[in-house]
Amino acid sequence: MSDSNFQKEFEEAIAEWRKRHHVRDDDVLLVCLDLFRIHQAHWDAIRRRDFPAIQEFNDIVLKLEKTAFQTQKQTTSLLKALYRHKKGQHFLPPTITAILLILALAFACGLLIGRFLL
């Protein structure tokens, strides 16, 4: 629907409303309606000016897609290099003695904190 058709239908609806409710030409409601039209026109102009064009939006999305592809490619090569680098290292699991020592120290710290700080 074009703006001119919308404006014409709006004018017709207002005229019908004025007839139905017996609104005079010098009524305050019509002044408020004019103020609302000025307000609406102002914000419509701002919205049209600030809203990016479809082509601009499409260009931004394409740039983001290209950047994401490059990032994925670089991340993949970095992960492959890290896997090659860590192949020579072996995981050394903690011993039972180390686990028991850590548990005893944690228990002692908990007791000391509970005794002196709480």
N, C-alpha and C. Protein backbone atom coordinates (compact mmCIF):
# COMPACT_ATOMS: atom_id res chain seq x y z
N MET A 1 0.85 -1.18 0.00
CA MET A 1 0.00 0.00 0.00
C MET A 1 0.89 1.23 0.00
N SER A 2 0.60 2.15 -0.92
CA SER A 2 1.43 3.34 -1.02
C SER A 2 1.05 4.34 0.06
N ASP A 3 1.96 5.31 0.26
CA ASP A 3 1.72 6.33 1.28
C ASP A 3 0.51 7.20 0.95
N SER A 4 0.31 7.49 -0.35
CA SER A 4 -0.82 8.34 -0.73
C SER A 4 -2.15 7.64 -0.47
N ASN A 5 -2.24 6.34 -0.78
CA ASN A 5 -3.46 5.58 -0.49
C ASN A 5 -3.70 5.51 1.01
N PHE A 6 -2.64 5.29 1.76
CA PHE A 6 -2.77 5.23 3.21
C PHE A 6 -3.24 6.57 3.76
N GLN A 7 -2.68 7.65 3.26
CA GLN A 7 -3.05 8.99 3.72
C GLN A 7 -4.52 9.27 3.39
N LYS A 8 -4.95 8.89 2.18
CA LYS A 8 -6.33 9.13 1.77
C LYS A 8 -7.29 8.33 2.65
N GLU A 9 -6.98 7.05 2.90
CA GLU A 9 -7.83 6.23 3.77
C GLU A 9 -7.86 6.79 5.19
N PHE A 10 -6.73 7.31 5.64
CA PHE A 10 -6.66 7.91 6.98
C PHE A 10 -7.56 9.14 7.06
N GLU A 11 -7.50 9.99 6.04
CA GLU A 11 -8.35 11.18 5.99
C GLU A 11 -9.83 10.81 5.98
N GLU A 12 -10.18 9.78 5.21
CA GLU A 12 -11.57 9.33 5.16
C GLU A 12 -12.03 8.80 6.51
N ALA A 13 -11.16 8.05 7.18
CA ALA A 13 -11.51 7.52 8.50
C ALA A 13 -11.71 8.64 9.51
N ILE A 14 -10.88 9.66 9.43
CA ILE A 14 -11.03 10.80 10.35
C ILE A 14 -12.33 11.54 10.07
N ALA A 15 -12.65 11.76 8.79
CA ALA A 15 -13.91 12.45 8.44
C ALA A 15 -15.11 11.67 8.93
N GLU A 16 -15.08 10.35 8.76
CA GLU A 16 -16.17 9.50 9.25
C GLU A 16 -16.26 9.57 10.77
N TRP A 17 -15.14 9.55 11.44
CA TRP A 17 -15.11 9.62 12.91
C TRP A 17 -15.67 10.96 13.39
N ARG A 18 -15.29 12.06 12.70
CA ARG A 18 -15.80 13.39 13.07
C ARG A 18 -17.31 13.45 12.92
N LYS A 19 -17.85 12.88 11.83
CA LYS A 19 -19.30 12.88 11.63
C LYS A 19 -20.01 12.05 12.70
N ARG A 20 -19.46 10.91 12.99
CA ARG A 20 -20.10 10.02 13.96
C ARG A 20 -20.13 10.63 15.36
N HIS A 21 -19.07 11.33 15.74
CA HIS A 21 -18.98 11.88 17.10
C HIS A 21 -19.26 13.38 17.15
N HIS A 22 -19.67 13.96 16.04
CA HIS A 22 -20.04 15.38 15.97
C HIS A 22 -18.92 16.28 16.49
N VAL A 23 -17.73 16.10 15.94
CA VAL A 23 -16.57 16.90 16.32
C VAL A 23 -16.52 18.13 15.42
N ARG A 24 -16.42 19.31 16.03
CA ARG A 24 -16.38 20.57 15.28
C ARG A 24 -14.97 20.82 14.73
N ASP A 25 -14.88 21.82 13.83
CA ASP A 25 -13.59 22.16 13.22
C ASP A 25 -12.62 22.77 14.22
N ASP A 26 -13.12 23.43 15.26
CA ASP A 26 -12.24 24.09 16.22
C ASP A 26 -12.05 23.27 17.49
N ASP A 27 -12.29 21.98 17.41
CA ASP A 27 -12.15 21.12 18.59
C ASP A 27 -10.67 20.86 18.91
N VAL A 28 -10.40 20.71 20.18
CA VAL A 28 -9.03 20.48 20.65
C VAL A 28 -8.50 19.13 20.16
N LEU A 29 -9.37 18.17 19.98
CA LEU A 29 -8.94 16.85 19.51
C LEU A 29 -8.26 16.93 18.14
N LEU A 30 -8.75 17.82 17.29
CA LEU A 30 -8.13 17.95 15.98
C LEU A 30 -6.73 18.56 16.07
N VAL A 31 -6.54 19.45 17.02
CA VAL A 31 -5.20 20.01 17.24
C VAL A 31 -4.26 18.90 17.72
N CYS A 32 -4.75 18.06 18.63
CA CYS A 32 -3.93 16.92 19.11
C CYS A 32 -3.63 15.96 17.97
N LEU A 33 -4.61 15.76 17.09
CA LEU A 33 -4.39 14.88 15.95
C LEU A 33 -3.32 15.45 15.02
N ASP A 34 -3.34 16.75 14.78
CA ASP A 34 -2.30 17.38 13.95
C ASP A 34 -0.93 17.25 14.59
N LEU A 35 -0.87 17.43 15.91
CA LEU A 35 0.40 17.27 16.61
C LEU A 35 0.90 15.84 16.50
N PHE A 36 -0.01 14.89 16.58
CA PHE A 36 0.38 13.49 16.43
C PHE A 36 0.91 13.23 15.02
N ARG A 37 0.29 13.81 14.00
CA ARG A 37 0.77 13.63 12.63
C ARG A 37 2.18 14.20 12.46
N ILE A 38 2.43 15.36 13.05
CA ILE A 38 3.78 15.95 12.99
C ILE A 38 4.78 15.02 13.67
N HIS A 39 4.42 14.52 14.83
CA HIS A 39 5.28 13.60 15.57
C HIS A 39 5.56 12.34 14.74
N GLN A 40 4.51 11.77 14.17
CA GLN A 40 4.66 10.53 13.40
C GLN A 40 5.53 10.76 12.16
N ALA A 41 5.33 11.88 11.47
CA ALA A 41 6.13 12.18 10.28
C ALA A 41 7.60 12.34 10.65
N HIS A 42 7.85 12.99 11.79
CA HIS A 42 9.23 13.17 12.25
C HIS A 42 9.91 11.82 12.49
N TRP A 43 9.26 10.94 13.22
CA TRP A 43 9.87 9.65 13.53
C TRP A 43 9.94 8.73 12.32
N ASP A 44 8.99 8.86 11.40
CA ASP A 44 9.09 8.08 10.16
C ASP A 44 10.30 8.50 9.35
N ALA A 45 10.57 9.81 9.30
CA ALA A 45 11.75 10.30 8.58
C ALA A 45 13.03 9.80 9.22
N ILE A 46 13.08 9.81 10.53
CA ILE A 46 14.27 9.30 11.24
C ILE A 46 14.44 7.81 10.98
N ARG A 47 13.35 7.07 11.03
CA ARG A 47 13.41 5.62 10.81
C ARG A 47 13.89 5.32 9.39
N ARG A 48 13.41 6.05 8.40
CA ARG A 48 13.84 5.82 7.02
C ARG A 48 15.31 6.18 6.83
N ARG A 49 15.75 7.24 7.50
CA ARG A 49 17.13 7.69 7.35
C ARG A 49 18.10 6.73 8.03
N ASP A 50 17.75 6.22 9.21
CA ASP A 50 18.66 5.39 9.98
C ASP A 50 18.62 3.92 9.61
N PHE A 51 17.57 3.48 8.96
CA PHE A 51 17.46 2.07 8.62
C PHE A 51 18.37 1.77 7.43
N PRO A 52 19.26 0.79 7.56
CA PRO A 52 20.19 0.52 6.45
C PRO A 52 19.46 -0.08 5.26
N ALA A 53 19.99 0.19 4.11
CA ALA A 53 19.41 -0.35 2.88
C ALA A 53 19.64 -1.86 2.85
N ILE A 54 18.80 -2.55 2.09
CA ILE A 54 18.90 -4.01 2.00
C ILE A 54 20.26 -4.42 1.42
N GLN A 55 20.73 -3.70 0.42
CA GLN A 55 22.02 -4.03 -0.18
C GLN A 55 23.15 -3.85 0.81
N GLU A 56 23.09 -2.78 1.60
CA GLU A 56 24.12 -2.55 2.62
C GLU A 56 24.10 -3.67 3.65
N PHE A 57 22.90 -4.06 4.07
CA PHE A 57 22.77 -5.16 5.03
C PHE A 57 23.31 -6.45 4.43
N ASN A 58 23.02 -6.70 3.17
CA ASN A 58 23.50 -7.90 2.50
C ASN A 58 25.03 -7.90 2.43
N ASP A 59 25.63 -6.75 2.14
CA ASP A 59 27.09 -6.64 2.10
C ASP A 59 27.71 -6.93 3.47
N ILE A 60 27.07 -6.43 4.52
CA ILE A 60 27.58 -6.67 5.87
C ILE A 60 27.52 -8.16 6.20
N VAL A 61 26.42 -8.81 5.85
CA VAL A 61 26.29 -10.24 6.12
C VAL A 61 27.34 -11.04 5.34
N LEU A 62 27.59 -10.65 4.10
CA LEU A 62 28.62 -11.35 3.31
C LEU A 62 30.01 -11.17 3.91
N LYS A 63 30.30 -9.95 4.41
CA LYS A 63 31.59 -9.71 5.07
C LYS A 63 31.72 -10.55 6.33
N LEU A 64 30.63 -10.63 7.09
CA LEU A 64 30.66 -11.46 8.30
C LEU A 64 30.87 -12.93 7.97
N GLU A 65 30.22 -13.39 6.91
CA GLU A 65 30.39 -14.78 6.49
C GLU A 65 31.84 -15.05 6.09
N LYS A 66 32.43 -14.12 5.35
CA LYS A 66 33.83 -14.28 4.93
C LYS A 66 34.76 -14.28 6.14
N THR A 67 34.52 -13.38 7.09
CA THR A 67 35.34 -13.32 8.30
C THR A 67 35.20 -14.60 9.11
N ALA A 68 33.98 -15.11 9.23
CA ALA A 68 33.76 -16.35 9.97
C ALA A 68 34.48 -17.52 9.30
N PHE A 69 34.45 -17.57 7.97
CA PHE A 69 35.13 -18.64 7.26
C PHE A 69 36.64 -18.58 7.48
N GLN A 70 37.20 -17.36 7.40
CA GLN A 70 38.64 -17.21 7.62
C GLN A 70 39.02 -17.58 9.06
N THR A 71 38.19 -17.18 10.02
CA THR A 71 38.47 -17.51 11.42
C THR A 71 38.42 -19.02 11.63
N GLN A 72 37.44 -19.68 11.03
CA GLN A 72 37.32 -21.13 11.16
C GLN A 72 38.54 -21.81 10.54
N LYS A 73 38.99 -21.32 9.39
CA LYS A 73 40.14 -21.90 8.72
C LYS A 73 41.40 -21.75 9.57
N GLN A 74 41.60 -20.54 10.14
CA GLN A 74 42.78 -20.31 10.98
C GLN A 74 42.71 -21.13 12.27
N THR A 75 41.51 -21.27 12.84
CA THR A 75 41.35 -22.06 14.06
C THR A 75 41.66 -23.52 13.79
N THR A 76 41.20 -24.02 12.65
CA THR A 76 41.48 -25.42 12.30
C THR A 76 42.97 -25.66 12.17
N SER A 77 43.67 -24.76 11.50
CA SER A 77 45.12 -24.95 11.35
C SER A 77 45.84 -24.84 12.70
N LEU A 78 45.37 -23.96 13.57
CA LEU A 78 45.96 -23.84 14.89
C LEU A 78 45.74 -25.11 15.71
N LEU A 79 44.54 -25.66 15.66
CA LEU A 79 44.27 -26.90 16.39
C LEU A 79 45.12 -28.06 15.88
N LYS A 80 45.28 -28.14 14.58
CA LYS A 80 46.14 -29.20 14.03
C LYS A 80 47.57 -29.05 14.51
N ALA A 81 48.07 -27.82 14.55
CA ALA A 81 49.44 -27.58 15.03
C ALA A 81 49.55 -27.94 16.51
N LEU A 82 48.54 -27.62 17.30
CA LEU A 82 48.58 -27.96 18.73
C LEU A 82 48.55 -29.47 18.94
N TYR A 83 47.74 -30.19 18.18
CA TYR A 83 47.70 -31.64 18.31
C TYR A 83 49.05 -32.27 17.95
N ARG A 84 49.70 -31.76 16.92
CA ARG A 84 51.03 -32.28 16.55
C ARG A 84 52.05 -31.99 17.64
N HIS A 85 51.97 -30.83 18.25
CA HIS A 85 52.93 -30.43 19.27
C HIS A 85 52.77 -31.26 20.53
N LYS A 86 51.57 -31.62 20.91
CA LYS A 86 51.34 -32.32 22.17
C LYS A 86 51.44 -33.84 22.04
N LYS A 87 51.69 -34.37 20.87
CA LYS A 87 51.76 -35.82 20.71
C LYS A 87 52.92 -36.43 21.47
N GLY A 88 53.99 -35.71 21.65
CA GLY A 88 55.15 -36.25 22.34
C GLY A 88 54.97 -36.27 23.85
N GLN A 89 54.03 -35.55 24.39
CA GLN A 89 53.84 -35.51 25.84
C GLN A 89 52.87 -36.60 26.26
N HIS A 90 53.12 -37.15 27.45
CA HIS A 90 52.25 -38.19 27.99
C HIS A 90 51.60 -37.67 29.26
N PHE A 91 50.37 -38.06 29.46
CA PHE A 91 49.65 -37.65 30.66
C PHE A 91 50.12 -38.50 31.82
N LEU A 92 50.49 -37.87 32.91
CA LEU A 92 50.94 -38.55 34.11
C LEU A 92 49.84 -38.43 35.16
N PRO A 93 49.10 -39.50 35.42
CA PRO A 93 48.03 -39.40 36.40
C PRO A 93 48.58 -39.20 37.81
N PRO A 94 47.83 -38.52 38.68
CA PRO A 94 48.31 -38.31 40.04
C PRO A 94 48.34 -39.64 40.81
N THR A 95 49.27 -39.76 41.72
CA THR A 95 49.41 -40.99 42.51
C THR A 95 48.43 -40.94 43.67
N ILE A 96 48.22 -42.08 44.28
CA ILE A 96 47.32 -42.18 45.44
C ILE A 96 47.86 -41.34 46.58
N THR A 97 49.16 -41.32 46.75
CA THR A 97 49.78 -40.53 47.83
C THR A 97 49.50 -39.05 47.64
N ALA A 98 49.61 -38.56 46.41
CA ALA A 98 49.34 -37.14 46.15
C ALA A 98 47.88 -36.81 46.40
N ILE A 99 46.97 -37.69 46.00
CA ILE A 99 45.53 -37.45 46.23
C ILE A 99 45.22 -37.42 47.72
N LEU A 100 45.78 -38.37 48.48
CA LEU A 100 45.54 -38.40 49.93
C LEU A 100 46.12 -37.17 50.62
N LEU A 101 47.31 -36.74 50.19
CA LEU A 101 47.93 -35.55 50.77
C LEU A 101 47.08 -34.30 50.50
N ILE A 102 46.57 -34.16 49.29
CA ILE A 102 45.72 -33.01 48.95
C ILE A 102 44.43 -33.03 49.75
N LEU A 103 43.82 -34.21 49.91
CA LEU A 103 42.60 -34.33 50.71
C LEU A 103 42.85 -33.96 52.17
N ALA A 104 43.99 -34.41 52.73
CA ALA A 104 44.31 -34.10 54.14
C ALA A 104 44.52 -32.60 54.31
N LEU A 105 45.24 -31.97 53.37
CA LEU A 105 45.46 -30.53 53.47
C LEU A 105 44.15 -29.75 53.32
N ALA A 106 43.27 -30.17 52.42
CA ALA A 106 41.98 -29.50 52.25
C ALA A 106 41.14 -29.64 53.50
N PHE A 107 41.15 -30.80 54.11
CA PHE A 107 40.40 -31.01 55.35
C PHE A 107 40.95 -30.15 56.48
N ALA A 108 42.28 -30.09 56.60
CA ALA A 108 42.90 -29.27 57.65
C ALA A 108 42.59 -27.79 57.43
N CYS A 109 42.65 -27.33 56.18
CA CYS A 109 42.32 -25.93 55.88
C CYS A 109 40.87 -25.64 56.22
N GLY A 110 39.97 -26.56 55.92
CA GLY A 110 38.56 -26.38 56.25
C GLY A 110 38.34 -26.28 57.74
N LEU A 111 39.03 -27.11 58.49
CA LEU A 111 38.90 -27.04 59.96
C LEU A 111 39.44 -25.73 60.50
N LEU A 112 40.60 -25.30 60.00
CA LEU A 112 41.18 -24.05 60.48
C LEU A 112 40.31 -22.83 60.12
N ILE A 113 39.76 -22.84 58.92
CA ILE A 113 38.89 -21.73 58.52
C ILE A 113 37.62 -21.73 59.39
N GLY A 114 37.07 -22.89 59.62
CA GLY A 114 35.87 -22.97 60.44
C GLY A 114 36.14 -22.59 61.89
N ARG A 115 37.30 -22.93 62.38
CA ARG A 115 37.63 -22.65 63.78
C ARG A 115 37.97 -21.18 64.02
N PHE A 116 38.76 -20.57 63.14
CA PHE A 116 39.28 -19.23 63.39
C PHE A 116 38.55 -18.09 62.66
N LEU A 117 37.93 -18.40 61.54
CA LEU A 117 37.32 -17.31 60.76
C LEU A 117 35.80 -17.29 60.88
N LEU A 118 35.17 -18.37 61.20
CA LEU A 118 33.71 -18.38 61.25
C LEU A 118 33.18 -18.40 62.65
